Amino acid sequence: MTWWKRLLNSVRRIAAALLTLGAVAWVAYQLWHPGMVITDGRHDRQTNGIWLAHGWLGADSWFIEHGKQAEMPRYRDPDNVKALAEKLRRHGVTDVFPHLCPTSYKGELAPVSPMHVEAFLDAFDGFRVIPWVGGVKGVSVRMTDPAWRKTFAASIAKFMADHPRLAGVQVNVEPLPSGTPEFLLLLEEVRAAMPVGKVLSVAAYPPPTRWHPFPEIHWEESYFREVSRRCDQMVVMMYDAGQDLGKPYQHLMRDWTREVLQWSEGSRVLLGVPAYDDTGVGYHHPRVENIENALQGIHRGLGDTGLLPVYQGIAIYSEWEMTDDEWEQLRRGFLKQ
């Protein structure tokens, strides 16, 4: 046999082996079911959350500053506010997080329209209205500055006093590396300034994973527990994980669901699910990170852990990105009917 025939045979054997391995891997992937489809509503406690847009509470100056004057009627019309409340009520939402970021350089909360805050609270009677405050670490949020922290806490206390029907606030700082000590101080100071009985919620980060090695947006167990000890609610942002395939994302959601529920030190946990379309960025692929895949992973994780007492439900990011199809996916794949 000539040398070139021997080489050809070797190439054929290698190609056959690679094809066999590829076929085995494909079959294994098809048989792998990291998520779970559940349609009977068993995991819905009807105490879910959702993030809302700035316009519902924000001052008129916000619309002018951002060139959104044409959108004011959508947010200011009482019928629209009531319609939103009814829609969310039908979908098992009890906690709403209207956007009020960023804070000022000094630590003051973003300005609101007091009249429209009260109108919103009228329409959302029976909900817990927990405005979402904070901003970008090192820009609008300067936690290392004691004066900034003091002003931030005092601004929250005044906001609560001006609108006592507010249920609390949610603190969101992005990014926020695991182990940041100033954030723990901030939570302690906010807690001390808030009226008794108000909810201190945190937009929390998911556990580390080898599939997304960015420590500034993942929290180690020890730090997750420290934050949990200082607040009433952890709303975990379980997205922006840069996953390219649906099943690995379902698996990640399963793991994160189990971990964050087991790591809570008694604070209630909402599992954040993505409903937005940030196309063209490396950290989020909407065809993968979406409500359908997220819910399947969460269902599998809850099937593993059971409904622990700290489990409150899911939180949708965000209302202003939700489509009719996504509301239908939520109804079919999670809600009690």
C-alpha atoms as a PDB file:
ATOM      1  CA  MET A   1       0.000   0.000   0.000  1.00  0.00           C
ATOM      2  CA  THR A   2       1.428   3.314  -1.005  1.00  0.00           C
ATOM      3  CA  TRP A   3       1.974   6.009   1.546  1.00  0.00           C
ATOM      4  CA  TRP A   4      -0.816   8.182   0.195  1.00  0.00           C
ATOM      5  CA  LYS A   5      -3.346   5.352   0.473  1.00  0.00           C
ATOM      6  CA  ARG A   6      -2.298   4.791   4.080  1.00  0.00           C
ATOM      7  CA  LEU A   7      -2.740   8.529   4.732  1.00  0.00           C
ATOM      8  CA  LEU A   8      -6.165   8.475   3.077  1.00  0.00           C
ATOM      9  CA  ASN A   9      -7.266   5.541   5.235  1.00  0.00           C
ATOM     10  CA  SER A  10      -6.072   7.340   8.363  1.00  0.00           C
ATOM     11  CA  VAL A  11      -7.998  10.458   7.392  1.00  0.00           C
ATOM     12  CA  ARG A  12     -11.111   8.374   6.781  1.00  0.00           C
ATOM     13  CA  ARG A  13     -10.810   6.699  10.190  1.00  0.00           C
ATOM     14  CA  ILE A  14     -10.349  10.043  11.931  1.00  0.00           C
ATOM     15  CA  ALA A  15     -13.316  11.541  10.069  1.00  0.00           C
ATOM     16  CA  ALA A  16     -15.493   8.537  10.957  1.00  0.00           C
ATOM     17  CA  ALA A  17     -14.509   8.845  14.623  1.00  0.00           C
ATOM     18  CA  LEU A  18     -15.280  12.558  14.655  1.00  0.00           C
ATOM     19  CA  LEU A  19     -18.635  12.006  12.992  1.00  0.00           C
ATOM     20  CA  THR A  20     -19.462   9.313  15.555  1.00  0.00           C
ATOM     21  CA  LEU A  21     -18.501  11.573  18.434  1.00  0.00           C
ATOM     22  CA  GLY A  22     -20.539  14.394  16.943  1.00  0.00           C
ATOM     23  CA  ALA A  23     -23.559  12.154  16.550  1.00  0.00           C
ATOM     24  CA  VAL A  24     -23.252  10.931  20.149  1.00  0.00           C
ATOM     25  CA  ALA A  25     -22.958  14.522  21.410  1.00  0.00           C
ATOM     26  CA  TRP A  26     -25.995  15.570  19.366  1.00  0.00           C
ATOM     27  CA  VAL A  27     -28.094  12.687  20.700  1.00  0.00           C
ATOM     28  CA  ALA A  28     -26.954  13.402  24.260  1.00  0.00           C
ATOM     29  CA  TYR A  29     -27.919  17.079  23.895  1.00  0.00           C
ATOM     30  CA  GLN A  30     -31.342  16.127  22.547  1.00  0.00           C
ATOM     31  CA  LEU A  31     -31.910  13.780  25.479  1.00  0.00           C
ATOM     32  CA  TRP A  32     -30.729  16.340  28.060  1.00  0.00           C
ATOM     33  CA  HIS A  33     -33.633  18.099  29.766  1.00  0.00           C
ATOM     34  CA  PRO A  34     -32.249  20.556  32.341  1.00  0.00           C
ATOM     35  CA  GLY A  35     -35.543  22.418  32.488  1.00  0.00           C
ATOM     36  CA  MET A  36     -39.097  21.369  33.208  1.00  0.00           C
ATOM     37  CA  VAL A  37     -42.372  22.426  31.615  1.00  0.00           C
ATOM     38  CA  ILE A  38     -45.081  22.940  34.231  1.00  0.00           C
ATOM     39  CA  THR A  39     -48.494  24.335  33.357  1.00  0.00           C
ATOM     40  CA  ASP A  40     -50.548  23.695  36.501  1.00  0.00           C
ATOM     41  CA  GLY A  41     -49.361  26.775  38.419  1.00  0.00           C
ATOM     42  CA  ARG A  42     -47.918  24.781  41.307  1.00  0.00           C
ATOM     43  CA  HIS A  43     -44.981  27.188  41.752  1.00  0.00           C
ATOM     44  CA  ASP A  44     -47.016  30.397  41.554  1.00  0.00           C
ATOM     45  CA  ARG A  45     -47.682  31.921  44.973  1.00  0.00           C
ATOM     46  CA  GLN A  46     -49.480  34.888  43.384  1.00  0.00           C
ATOM     47  CA  THR A  47     -46.948  37.205  45.063  1.00  0.00           C
ATOM     48  CA  ASN A  48     -44.743  37.983  42.087  1.00  0.00           C
ATOM     49  CA  GLY A  49     -42.906  41.195  41.219  1.00  0.00           C
ATOM     50  CA  ILE A  50     -42.162  43.340  38.181  1.00  0.00           C
ATOM     51  CA  TRP A  51     -39.929  46.293  37.360  1.00  0.00           C
ATOM     52  CA  LEU A  52     -41.725  49.362  35.985  1.00  0.00           C
ATOM     53  CA  ALA A  53     -40.601  52.368  33.945  1.00  0.00           C
ATOM     54  CA  HIS A  54     -39.544  55.748  35.346  1.00  0.00           C
ATOM     55  CA  GLY A  55     -42.498  57.653  33.959  1.00  0.00           C
ATOM     56  CA  TRP A  56     -45.074  56.318  36.416  1.00  0.00           C
ATOM     57  CA  LEU A  57     -43.611  58.261  39.365  1.00  0.00           C
ATOM     58  CA  GLY A  58     -40.971  60.533  37.843  1.00  0.00           C
ATOM     59  CA  ALA A  59     -41.174  64.321  37.778  1.00  0.00           C
ATOM     60  CA  ASP A  60     -42.210  66.227  34.669  1.00  0.00           C
ATOM     61  CA  SER A  61     -38.596  67.395  34.394  1.00  0.00           C
ATOM     62  CA  TRP A  62     -37.509  63.816  33.629  1.00  0.00           C
ATOM     63  CA  PHE A  63     -39.656  63.714  30.496  1.00  0.00           C
ATOM     64  CA  ILE A  64     -38.294  67.071  29.353  1.00  0.00           C
ATOM     65  CA  GLU A  65     -34.670  66.191  30.112  1.00  0.00           C
ATOM     66  CA  HIS A  66     -34.897  62.950  28.101  1.00  0.00           C
ATOM     67  CA  GLY A  67     -37.016  64.301  25.242  1.00  0.00           C
ATOM     68  CA  LYS A  68     -39.989  62.137  26.183  1.00  0.00           C
ATOM     69  CA  GLN A  69     -42.716  64.767  26.451  1.00  0.00           C
ATOM     70  CA  ALA A  70     -44.800  62.822  23.918  1.00  0.00           C
ATOM     71  CA  GLU A  71     -44.908  59.869  26.329  1.00  0.00           C
ATOM     72  CA  MET A  72     -46.340  61.829  29.261  1.00  0.00           C
ATOM     73  CA  PRO A  73     -50.003  61.010  28.485  1.00  0.00           C
ATOM     74  CA  ARG A  74     -49.246  57.299  28.649  1.00  0.00           C
ATOM     75  CA  TYR A  75     -48.016  57.635  32.236  1.00  0.00           C
ATOM     76  CA  ARG A  76     -50.203  60.511  33.459  1.00  0.00           C
ATOM     77  CA  ASP A  77     -53.602  59.303  32.215  1.00  0.00           C
ATOM     78  CA  PRO A  78     -55.510  57.862  35.243  1.00  0.00           C
ATOM     79  CA  ASP A  79     -57.147  55.252  33.028  1.00  0.00           C
ATOM     80  CA  ASN A  80     -53.722  53.981  31.936  1.00  0.00           C
ATOM     81  CA  VAL A  81     -52.551  53.721  35.534  1.00  0.00           C
ATOM     82  CA  LYS A  82     -55.682  51.776  36.501  1.00  0.00           C
ATOM     83  CA  ALA A  83     -55.345  49.536  33.440  1.00  0.00           C
ATOM     84  CA  LEU A  84     -51.766  48.699  34.386  1.00  0.00           C
ATOM     85  CA  ALA A  85     -52.819  47.822  37.934  1.00  0.00           C
ATOM     86  CA  GLU A  86     -55.601  45.566  36.689  1.00  0.00           C
ATOM     87  CA  LYS A  87     -53.294  43.832  34.225  1.00  0.00           C
ATOM     88  CA  LEU A  88     -50.669  43.127  36.845  1.00  0.00           C
ATOM     89  CA  ARG A  89     -53.271  41.985  39.344  1.00  0.00           C
ATOM     90  CA  ARG A  90     -54.575  39.454  36.807  1.00  0.00           C
ATOM     91  CA  HIS A  91     -51.040  38.114  36.401  1.00  0.00           C
ATOM     92  CA  GLY A  92     -50.346  37.432  40.065  1.00  0.00           C
ATOM     93  CA  VAL A  93     -48.142  40.475  40.692  1.00  0.00           C
ATOM     94  CA  THR A  94     -48.182  42.053  44.138  1.00  0.00           C
ATOM     95  CA  ASP A  95     -44.803  43.847  44.279  1.00  0.00           C
ATOM     96  CA  VAL A  96     -44.052  46.616  41.774  1.00  0.00           C
ATOM     97  CA  PHE A  97     -40.688  48.332  41.427  1.00  0.00           C
ATOM     98  CA  PRO A  98     -41.068  51.688  39.642  1.00  0.00           C
ATOM     99  CA  HIS A  99     -37.754  53.079  38.415  1.00  0.00           C
ATOM    100  CA  LEU A 100     -36.381  56.107  40.316  1.00  0.00           C
ATOM    101  CA  CYS A 101     -32.726  55.992  39.318  1.00  0.00           C
ATOM    102  CA  PRO A 102     -30.208  57.471  39.241  1.00  0.00           C
ATOM    103  CA  THR A 103     -29.567  59.336  42.458  1.00  0.00           C
ATOM    104  CA  SER A 104     -27.880  62.694  42.341  1.00  0.00           C
ATOM    105  CA  TYR A 105     -24.143  63.079  42.843  1.00  0.00           C
ATOM    106  CA  LYS A 106     -24.877  64.088  46.437  1.00  0.00           C
ATOM    107  CA  GLY A 107     -27.134  61.089  47.097  1.00  0.00           C
ATOM    108  CA  GLU A 108     -30.618  62.555  46.690  1.00  0.00           C
ATOM    109  CA  LEU A 109     -33.289  60.407  45.054  1.00  0.00           C
ATOM    110  CA  ALA A 110     -34.486  61.293  41.585  1.00  0.00           C
ATOM    111  CA  PRO A 111     -37.315  63.861  41.729  1.00  0.00           C
ATOM    112  CA  VAL A 112     -40.897  62.666  41.545  1.00  0.00           C
ATOM    113  CA  SER A 113     -44.281  64.170  40.795  1.00  0.00           C
ATOM    114  CA  PRO A 114     -45.954  64.028  44.243  1.00  0.00           C
ATOM    115  CA  MET A 115     -49.447  64.284  42.765  1.00  0.00           C
ATOM    116  CA  HIS A 116     -48.830  61.391  40.417  1.00  0.00           C
ATOM    117  CA  VAL A 117     -47.156  59.283  43.108  1.00  0.00           C
ATOM    118  CA  GLU A 118     -50.353  59.566  45.145  1.00  0.00           C
ATOM    119  CA  ALA A 119     -52.520  58.828  42.111  1.00  0.00           C
ATOM    120  CA  PHE A 120     -50.402  55.765  41.398  1.00  0.00           C
ATOM    121  CA  LEU A 121     -50.799  54.592  44.998  1.00  0.00           C
ATOM    122  CA  ASP A 122     -54.557  55.063  44.724  1.00  0.00           C
ATOM    123  CA  ALA A 123     -54.702  52.846  41.632  1.00  0.00           C
ATOM    124  CA  PHE A 124     -52.303  50.307  43.118  1.00  0.00           C
ATOM    125  CA  ASP A 125     -54.150  49.821  46.371  1.00  0.00           C
ATOM    126  CA  GLY A 126     -53.449  46.268  47.541  1.00  0.00           C
ATOM    127  CA  PHE A 127     -50.006  46.160  45.898  1.00  0.00           C
ATOM    128  CA  ARG A 128     -46.671  46.783  47.543  1.00  0.00           C
ATOM    129  CA  VAL A 129     -45.161  49.768  45.720  1.00  0.00           C
ATOM    130  CA  ILE A 130     -41.391  49.587  46.223  1.00  0.00           C
ATOM    131  CA  PRO A 131     -39.534  52.170  44.106  1.00  0.00           C
ATOM    132  CA  TRP A 132     -36.245  51.071  42.601  1.00  0.00           C
ATOM    133  CA  VAL A 133     -33.446  53.483  43.610  1.00  0.00           C
ATOM    134  CA  GLY A 134     -29.681  53.651  43.219  1.00  0.00           C
ATOM    135  CA  GLY A 135     -27.589  53.784  40.093  1.00  0.00           C
ATOM    136  CA  VAL A 136     -24.133  53.134  38.702  1.00  0.00           C
ATOM    137  CA  LYS A 137     -21.390  52.380  41.208  1.00  0.00           C
ATOM    138  CA  GLY A 138     -18.802  55.117  41.308  1.00  0.00           C
ATOM    139  CA  VAL A 139     -20.918  57.514  39.208  1.00  0.00           C
ATOM    140  CA  SER A 140     -24.310  58.265  40.735  1.00  0.00           C
ATOM    141  CA  VAL A 141     -23.681  55.886  43.649  1.00  0.00           C
ATOM    142  CA  ARG A 142     -20.664  56.810  45.786  1.00  0.00           C
ATOM    143  CA  MET A 143     -20.936  54.390  48.670  1.00  0.00           C
ATOM    144  CA  THR A 144     -17.401  54.970  49.945  1.00  0.00           C
ATOM    145  CA  ASP A 145     -18.369  58.558  50.869  1.00  0.00           C
ATOM    146  CA  PRO A 146     -20.068  58.670  54.311  1.00  0.00           C
ATOM    147  CA  ALA A 147     -21.738  61.974  53.420  1.00  0.00           C
ATOM    148  CA  TRP A 148     -23.234  60.430  50.276  1.00  0.00           C
ATOM    149  CA  ARG A 149     -24.581  57.459  52.246  1.00  0.00           C
ATOM    150  CA  LYS A 150     -26.093  59.774  54.869  1.00  0.00           C
ATOM    151  CA  THR A 151     -27.818  61.893  52.221  1.00  0.00           C
ATOM    152  CA  PHE A 152     -29.100  58.805  50.395  1.00  0.00           C
ATOM    153  CA  ALA A 153     -30.586  57.319  53.562  1.00  0.00           C
ATOM    154  CA  ALA A 154     -32.130  60.653  54.594  1.00  0.00           C
ATOM    155  CA  SER A 155     -33.614  61.119  51.122  1.00  0.00           C
ATOM    156  CA  ILE A 156     -35.268  57.705  51.325  1.00  0.00           C
ATOM    157  CA  ALA A 157     -36.621  58.481  54.802  1.00  0.00           C
ATOM    158  CA  LYS A 158     -38.125  61.757  53.544  1.00  0.00           C
ATOM    159  CA  PHE A 159     -39.651  60.022  50.533  1.00  0.00           C
ATOM    160  CA  MET A 160     -41.282  57.462  52.831  1.00  0.00           C
ATOM    161  CA  ALA A 161     -42.563  60.219  55.112  1.00  0.00           C
ATOM    162  CA  ASP A 162     -43.971  62.223  52.191  1.00  0.00           C
ATOM    163  CA  HIS A 163     -45.747  59.149  50.811  1.00  0.00           C
ATOM    164  CA  PRO A 164     -46.458  56.809  53.742  1.00  0.00           C
ATOM    165  CA  ARG A 165     -48.401  54.325  51.584  1.00  0.00           C
ATOM    166  CA  LEU A 166     -45.175  53.312  49.837  1.00  0.00           C
ATOM    167  CA  ALA A 167     -44.220  49.829  51.007  1.00  0.00           C
ATOM    168  CA  GLY A 168     -40.458  50.447  50.941  1.00  0.00           C
ATOM    169  CA  VAL A 169     -37.562  50.837  48.515  1.00  0.00           C
ATOM    170  CA  GLN A 170     -35.408  48.548  46.425  1.00  0.00           C
ATOM    171  CA  VAL A 171     -31.696  49.393  46.330  1.00  0.00           C
ATOM    172  CA  ASN A 172     -29.981  48.634  43.023  1.00  0.00           C
ATOM    173  CA  VAL A 173     -26.281  49.320  42.427  1.00  0.00           C
ATOM    174  CA  GLU A 174     -24.624  48.216  39.184  1.00  0.00           C
ATOM    175  CA  PRO A 175     -22.114  46.711  38.934  1.00  0.00           C
ATOM    176  CA  LEU A 176     -21.471  45.502  42.476  1.00  0.00           C
ATOM    177  CA  PRO A 177     -18.598  43.047  43.078  1.00  0.00           C
ATOM    178  CA  SER A 178     -18.999  40.366  45.693  1.00  0.00           C
ATOM    179  CA  GLY A 179     -17.535  41.416  49.011  1.00  0.00           C
ATOM    180  CA  THR A 180     -18.066  45.178  48.647  1.00  0.00           C
ATOM    181  CA  PRO A 181     -18.152  46.289  52.325  1.00  0.00           C
ATOM    182  CA  GLU A 182     -19.584  49.755  51.662  1.00  0.00           C
ATOM    183  CA  PHE A 183     -22.799  48.252  50.321  1.00  0.00           C
ATOM    184  CA  LEU A 184     -23.378  46.481  53.635  1.00  0.00           C
ATOM    185  CA  LEU A 185     -22.853  49.806  55.439  1.00  0.00           C
ATOM    186  CA  LEU A 186     -25.276  51.465  53.046  1.00  0.00           C
ATOM    187  CA  LEU A 187     -27.983  48.904  53.757  1.00  0.00           C
ATOM    188  CA  GLU A 188     -27.499  49.291  57.500  1.00  0.00           C
ATOM    189  CA  GLU A 189     -27.805  53.074  57.268  1.00  0.00           C
ATOM    190  CA  VAL A 190     -30.855  52.900  55.001  1.00  0.00           C
ATOM    191  CA  ARG A 191     -32.497  50.402  57.327  1.00  0.00           C
ATOM    192  CA  ALA A 192     -31.884  52.656  60.331  1.00  0.00           C
ATOM    193  CA  ALA A 193     -33.390  55.661  58.525  1.00  0.00           C
ATOM    194  CA  MET A 194     -36.506  53.929  57.199  1.00  0.00           C
ATOM    195  CA  PRO A 195     -39.762  53.863  59.173  1.00  0.00           C
ATOM    196  CA  VAL A 196     -40.457  50.653  61.045  1.00  0.00           C
ATOM    197  CA  GLY A 197     -42.303  48.088  58.957  1.00  0.00           C
ATOM    198  CA  LYS A 198     -41.141  49.306  55.555  1.00  0.00           C
ATOM    199  CA  VAL A 199     -39.605  46.810  53.117  1.00  0.00           C
ATOM    200  CA  LEU A 200     -35.901  47.062  52.324  1.00  0.00           C
ATOM    201  CA  SER A 201     -35.479  45.205  49.042  1.00  0.00           C
ATOM    202  CA  VAL A 202     -32.239  44.583  47.153  1.00  0.00           C
ATOM    203  CA  ALA A 203     -31.726  43.966  43.445  1.00  0.00           C
ATOM    204  CA  ALA A 204     -29.306  41.109  44.077  1.00  0.00           C
ATOM    205  CA  TYR A 205     -26.776  39.306  41.899  1.00  0.00           C
ATOM    206  CA  PRO A 206     -26.733  35.574  41.123  1.00  0.00           C
ATOM    207  CA  PRO A 207     -24.023  33.151  42.244  1.00  0.00           C
ATOM    208  CA  PRO A 208     -20.746  32.766  40.354  1.00  0.00           C
ATOM    209  CA  THR A 209     -20.618  30.388  37.416  1.00  0.00           C
ATOM    210  CA  ARG A 210     -17.798  29.157  35.222  1.00  0.00           C
ATOM    211  CA  TRP A 211     -19.971  29.967  32.221  1.00  0.00           C
ATOM    212  CA  HIS A 212     -19.903  33.698  32.971  1.00  0.00           C
ATOM    213  CA  PRO A 213     -16.642  34.595  34.751  1.00  0.00           C
ATOM    214  CA  PHE A 214     -17.348  38.229  35.641  1.00  0.00           C
ATOM    215  CA  PRO A 215     -17.043  38.710  39.426  1.00  0.00           C
ATOM    216  CA  GLU A 216     -18.436  42.252  39.404  1.00  0.00           C
ATOM    217  CA  ILE A 217     -21.939  40.892  38.701  1.00  0.00           C
ATOM    218  CA  HIS A 218     -21.951  37.669  40.732  1.00  0.00           C
ATOM    219  CA  TRP A 219     -22.041  37.199  44.493  1.00  0.00           C
ATOM    220  CA  GLU A 220     -20.292  34.502  46.475  1.00  0.00           C
ATOM    221  CA  GLU A 221     -22.396  32.636  49.022  1.00  0.00           C
ATOM    222  CA  SER A 222     -20.876  34.396  52.041  1.00  0.00           C
ATOM    223  CA  TYR A 223     -21.611  37.844  50.617  1.00  0.00           C
ATOM    224  CA  PHE A 224     -25.100  36.878  49.457  1.00  0.00           C
ATOM    225  CA  ARG A 225     -25.835  35.804  53.025  1.00  0.00           C
ATOM    226  CA  GLU A 226     -24.444  39.059  54.452  1.00  0.00           C
ATOM    227  CA  VAL A 227     -26.679  41.120  52.189  1.00  0.00           C
ATOM    228  CA  SER A 228     -29.665  38.909  52.981  1.00  0.00           C
ATOM    229  CA  ARG A 229     -29.203  39.502  56.713  1.00  0.00           C
ATOM    230  CA  ARG A 230     -29.580  43.240  56.146  1.00  0.00           C
ATOM    231  CA  CYS A 231     -32.741  43.320  54.038  1.00  0.00           C
ATOM    232  CA  ASP A 232     -36.249  41.929  53.788  1.00  0.00           C
ATOM    233  CA  GLN A 233     -36.263  40.896  50.157  1.00  0.00           C
ATOM    234  CA  MET A 234     -33.702  39.711  47.594  1.00  0.00           C
ATOM    235  CA  VAL A 235     -34.788  40.132  43.976  1.00  0.00           C
ATOM    236  CA  VAL A 236     -32.118  38.200  42.089  1.00  0.00           C
ATOM    237  CA  MET A 237     -31.232  39.392  38.580  1.00  0.00           C
ATOM    238  CA  MET A 238     -30.870  35.968  36.940  1.00  0.00           C
ATOM    239  CA  TYR A 239     -29.993  37.116  33.439  1.00  0.00           C
ATOM    240  CA  ASP A 240     -27.306  38.934  31.410  1.00  0.00           C
ATOM    241  CA  ALA A 241     -25.282  35.733  31.639  1.00  0.00           C
ATOM    242  CA  GLY A 242     -24.038  35.681  28.045  1.00  0.00           C
ATOM    243  CA  GLN A 243     -25.447  32.234  27.241  1.00  0.00           C
ATOM    244  CA  ASP A 244     -25.706  31.193  23.581  1.00  0.00           C
ATOM    245  CA  LEU A 245     -27.893  28.084  23.927  1.00  0.00           C
ATOM    246  CA  GLY A 246     -31.226  27.545  25.620  1.00  0.00           C
ATOM    247  CA  LYS A 247     -30.516  24.351  27.530  1.00  0.00           C
ATOM    248  CA  PRO A 248     -27.344  25.585  29.257  1.00  0.00           C
ATOM    249  CA  TYR A 249     -29.282  28.691  30.329  1.00  0.00           C
ATOM    250  CA  GLN A 250     -32.069  26.500  31.712  1.00  0.00           C
ATOM    251  CA  HIS A 251     -29.431  24.521  33.611  1.00  0.00           C
ATOM    252  CA  LEU A 252     -27.933  27.737  34.955  1.00  0.00           C
ATOM    253  CA  MET A 253     -31.365  28.916  36.100  1.00  0.00           C
ATOM    254  CA  ARG A 254     -31.924  25.588  37.814  1.00  0.00           C
ATOM    255  CA  ASP A 255     -28.624  25.888  39.701  1.00  0.00           C
ATOM    256  CA  TRP A 256     -29.160  29.533  40.612  1.00  0.00           C
ATOM    257  CA  THR A 257     -32.696  28.835  41.855  1.00  0.00           C
ATOM    258  CA  ARG A 258     -31.462  26.155  44.210  1.00  0.00           C
ATOM    259  CA  GLU A 259     -28.503  28.201  45.425  1.00  0.00           C
ATOM    260  CA  VAL A 260     -30.157  31.543  46.121  1.00  0.00           C
ATOM    261  CA  LEU A 261     -33.075  29.957  47.975  1.00  0.00           C
ATOM    262  CA  GLN A 262     -30.679  27.968  50.139  1.00  0.00           C
ATOM    263  CA  TRP A 263     -28.422  30.973  50.736  1.00  0.00           C
ATOM    264  CA  SER A 264     -31.137  33.334  51.960  1.00  0.00           C
ATOM    265  CA  GLU A 265     -30.871  34.209  55.642  1.00  0.00           C
ATOM    266  CA  GLY A 266     -34.620  34.623  55.987  1.00  0.00           C
ATOM    267  CA  SER A 267     -35.264  37.411  53.492  1.00  0.00           C
ATOM    268  CA  ARG A 268     -37.919  36.595  50.886  1.00  0.00           C
ATOM    269  CA  VAL A 269     -36.576  35.758  47.436  1.00  0.00           C
ATOM    270  CA  LEU A 270     -37.968  36.724  44.043  1.00  0.00           C
ATOM    271  CA  LEU A 271     -36.308  35.037  41.067  1.00  0.00           C
ATOM    272  CA  GLY A 272     -35.698  37.587  38.308  1.00  0.00           C
ATOM    273  CA  VAL A 273     -36.593  36.498  34.769  1.00  0.00           C
ATOM    274  CA  PRO A 274     -35.725  38.336  31.531  1.00  0.00           C
ATOM    275  CA  ALA A 275     -38.280  39.877  29.199  1.00  0.00           C
ATOM    276  CA  TYR A 276     -36.283  42.387  27.204  1.00  0.00           C
ATOM    277  CA  ASP A 277     -34.505  42.577  23.889  1.00  0.00           C
ATOM    278  CA  ASP A 278     -30.967  43.949  24.266  1.00  0.00           C
ATOM    279  CA  THR A 279     -29.796  42.639  20.922  1.00  0.00           C
ATOM    280  CA  GLY A 280     -26.268  43.232  19.743  1.00  0.00           C
ATOM    281  CA  VAL A 281     -24.634  42.987  23.166  1.00  0.00           C
ATOM    282  CA  GLY A 282     -22.436  40.125  24.288  1.00  0.00           C
ATOM    283  CA  TYR A 283     -24.028  39.616  27.678  1.00  0.00           C
ATOM    284  CA  HIS A 284     -27.626  38.968  26.587  1.00  0.00           C
ATOM    285  CA  HIS A 285     -29.133  36.915  23.776  1.00  0.00           C
ATOM    286  CA  PRO A 286     -32.948  37.285  23.839  1.00  0.00           C
ATOM    287  CA  ARG A 287     -33.502  34.101  21.834  1.00  0.00           C
ATOM    288  CA  VAL A 288     -31.862  32.276  24.794  1.00  0.00           C
ATOM    289  CA  GLU A 289     -32.415  34.449  27.862  1.00  0.00           C
ATOM    290  CA  ASN A 290     -36.178  34.735  27.761  1.00  0.00           C
ATOM    291  CA  ILE A 291     -39.234  33.946  29.850  1.00  0.00           C
ATOM    292  CA  GLU A 292     -39.742  30.455  28.415  1.00  0.00           C
ATOM    293  CA  ASN A 293     -36.222  29.169  29.127  1.00  0.00           C
ATOM    294  CA  ALA A 294     -35.989  30.974  32.457  1.00  0.00           C
ATOM    295  CA  LEU A 295     -39.241  29.479  33.739  1.00  0.00           C
ATOM    296  CA  GLN A 296     -38.283  25.968  32.686  1.00  0.00           C
ATOM    297  CA  GLY A 297     -35.023  26.232  34.614  1.00  0.00           C
ATOM    298  CA  ILE A 298     -36.764  27.718  37.645  1.00  0.00           C
ATOM    299  CA  HIS A 299     -39.371  24.953  37.620  1.00  0.00           C
ATOM    300  CA  ARG A 300     -36.618  22.328  37.639  1.00  0.00           C
ATOM    301  CA  GLY A 301     -34.815  24.069  40.500  1.00  0.00           C
ATOM    302  CA  LEU A 302     -37.996  24.393  42.544  1.00  0.00           C
ATOM    303  CA  GLY A 303     -38.722  20.752  41.841  1.00  0.00           C
ATOM    304  CA  ASP A 304     -35.362  19.946  43.428  1.00  0.00           C
ATOM    305  CA  THR A 305     -35.703  22.171  46.505  1.00  0.00           C
ATOM    306  CA  GLY A 306     -39.439  22.262  47.049  1.00  0.00           C
ATOM    307  CA  LEU A 307     -41.182  25.526  47.903  1.00  0.00           C
ATOM    308  CA  LEU A 308     -38.963  26.772  50.705  1.00  0.00           C
ATOM    309  CA  PRO A 309     -40.497  29.385  53.031  1.00  0.00           C
ATOM    310  CA  VAL A 310     -38.218  32.128  51.648  1.00  0.00           C
ATOM    311  CA  TYR A 311     -39.476  31.587  48.093  1.00  0.00           C
ATOM    312  CA  GLN A 312     -41.839  34.413  47.121  1.00  0.00           C
ATOM    313  CA  GLY A 313     -42.123  33.969  43.372  1.00  0.00           C
ATOM    314  CA  ILE A 314     -40.643  35.482  40.230  1.00  0.00           C
ATOM    315  CA  ALA A 315     -39.901  39.065  39.180  1.00  0.00           C
ATOM    316  CA  ILE A 316     -40.144  40.147  35.549  1.00  0.00           C
ATOM    317  CA  TYR A 317     -37.671  42.534  33.976  1.00  0.00           C
ATOM    318  CA  SER A 318     -39.378  44.462  32.622  1.00  0.00           C
ATOM    319  CA  GLU A 319     -43.027  45.525  32.182  1.00  0.00           C
ATOM    320  CA  TRP A 320     -42.261  48.015  29.412  1.00  0.00           C
ATOM    321  CA  GLU A 321     -40.613  45.273  27.308  1.00  0.00           C
ATOM    322  CA  MET A 322     -43.293  42.608  27.807  1.00  0.00           C
ATOM    323  CA  THR A 323     -45.112  41.605  24.613  1.00  0.00           C
ATOM    324  CA  ASP A 324     -48.505  39.945  24.310  1.00  0.00           C
ATOM    325  CA  ASP A 325     -46.723  36.682  23.474  1.00  0.00           C
ATOM    326  CA  GLU A 326     -44.645  36.916  26.626  1.00  0.00           C
ATOM    327  CA  TRP A 327     -47.686  37.552  28.798  1.00  0.00           C
ATOM    328  CA  GLU A 328     -49.216  34.449  27.226  1.00  0.00           C
ATOM    329  CA  GLN A 329     -46.039  32.441  27.929  1.00  0.00           C
ATOM    330  CA  LEU A 330     -46.238  33.578  31.544  1.00  0.00           C
ATOM    331  CA  ARG A 331     -49.873  32.522  31.828  1.00  0.00           C
ATOM    332  CA  ARG A 332     -49.259  29.127  30.216  1.00  0.00           C
ATOM    333  CA  GLY A 333     -45.943  28.340  31.819  1.00  0.00           C
ATOM    334  CA  PHE A 334     -46.205  29.655  35.368  1.00  0.00           C
ATOM    335  CA  LEU A 335     -49.426  31.243  36.617  1.00  0.00           C
ATOM    336  CA  LYS A 336     -52.263  29.604  38.457  1.00  0.00           C
ATOM    337  CA  GLN A 337     -55.347  29.658  36.260  1.00  0.00           C
END
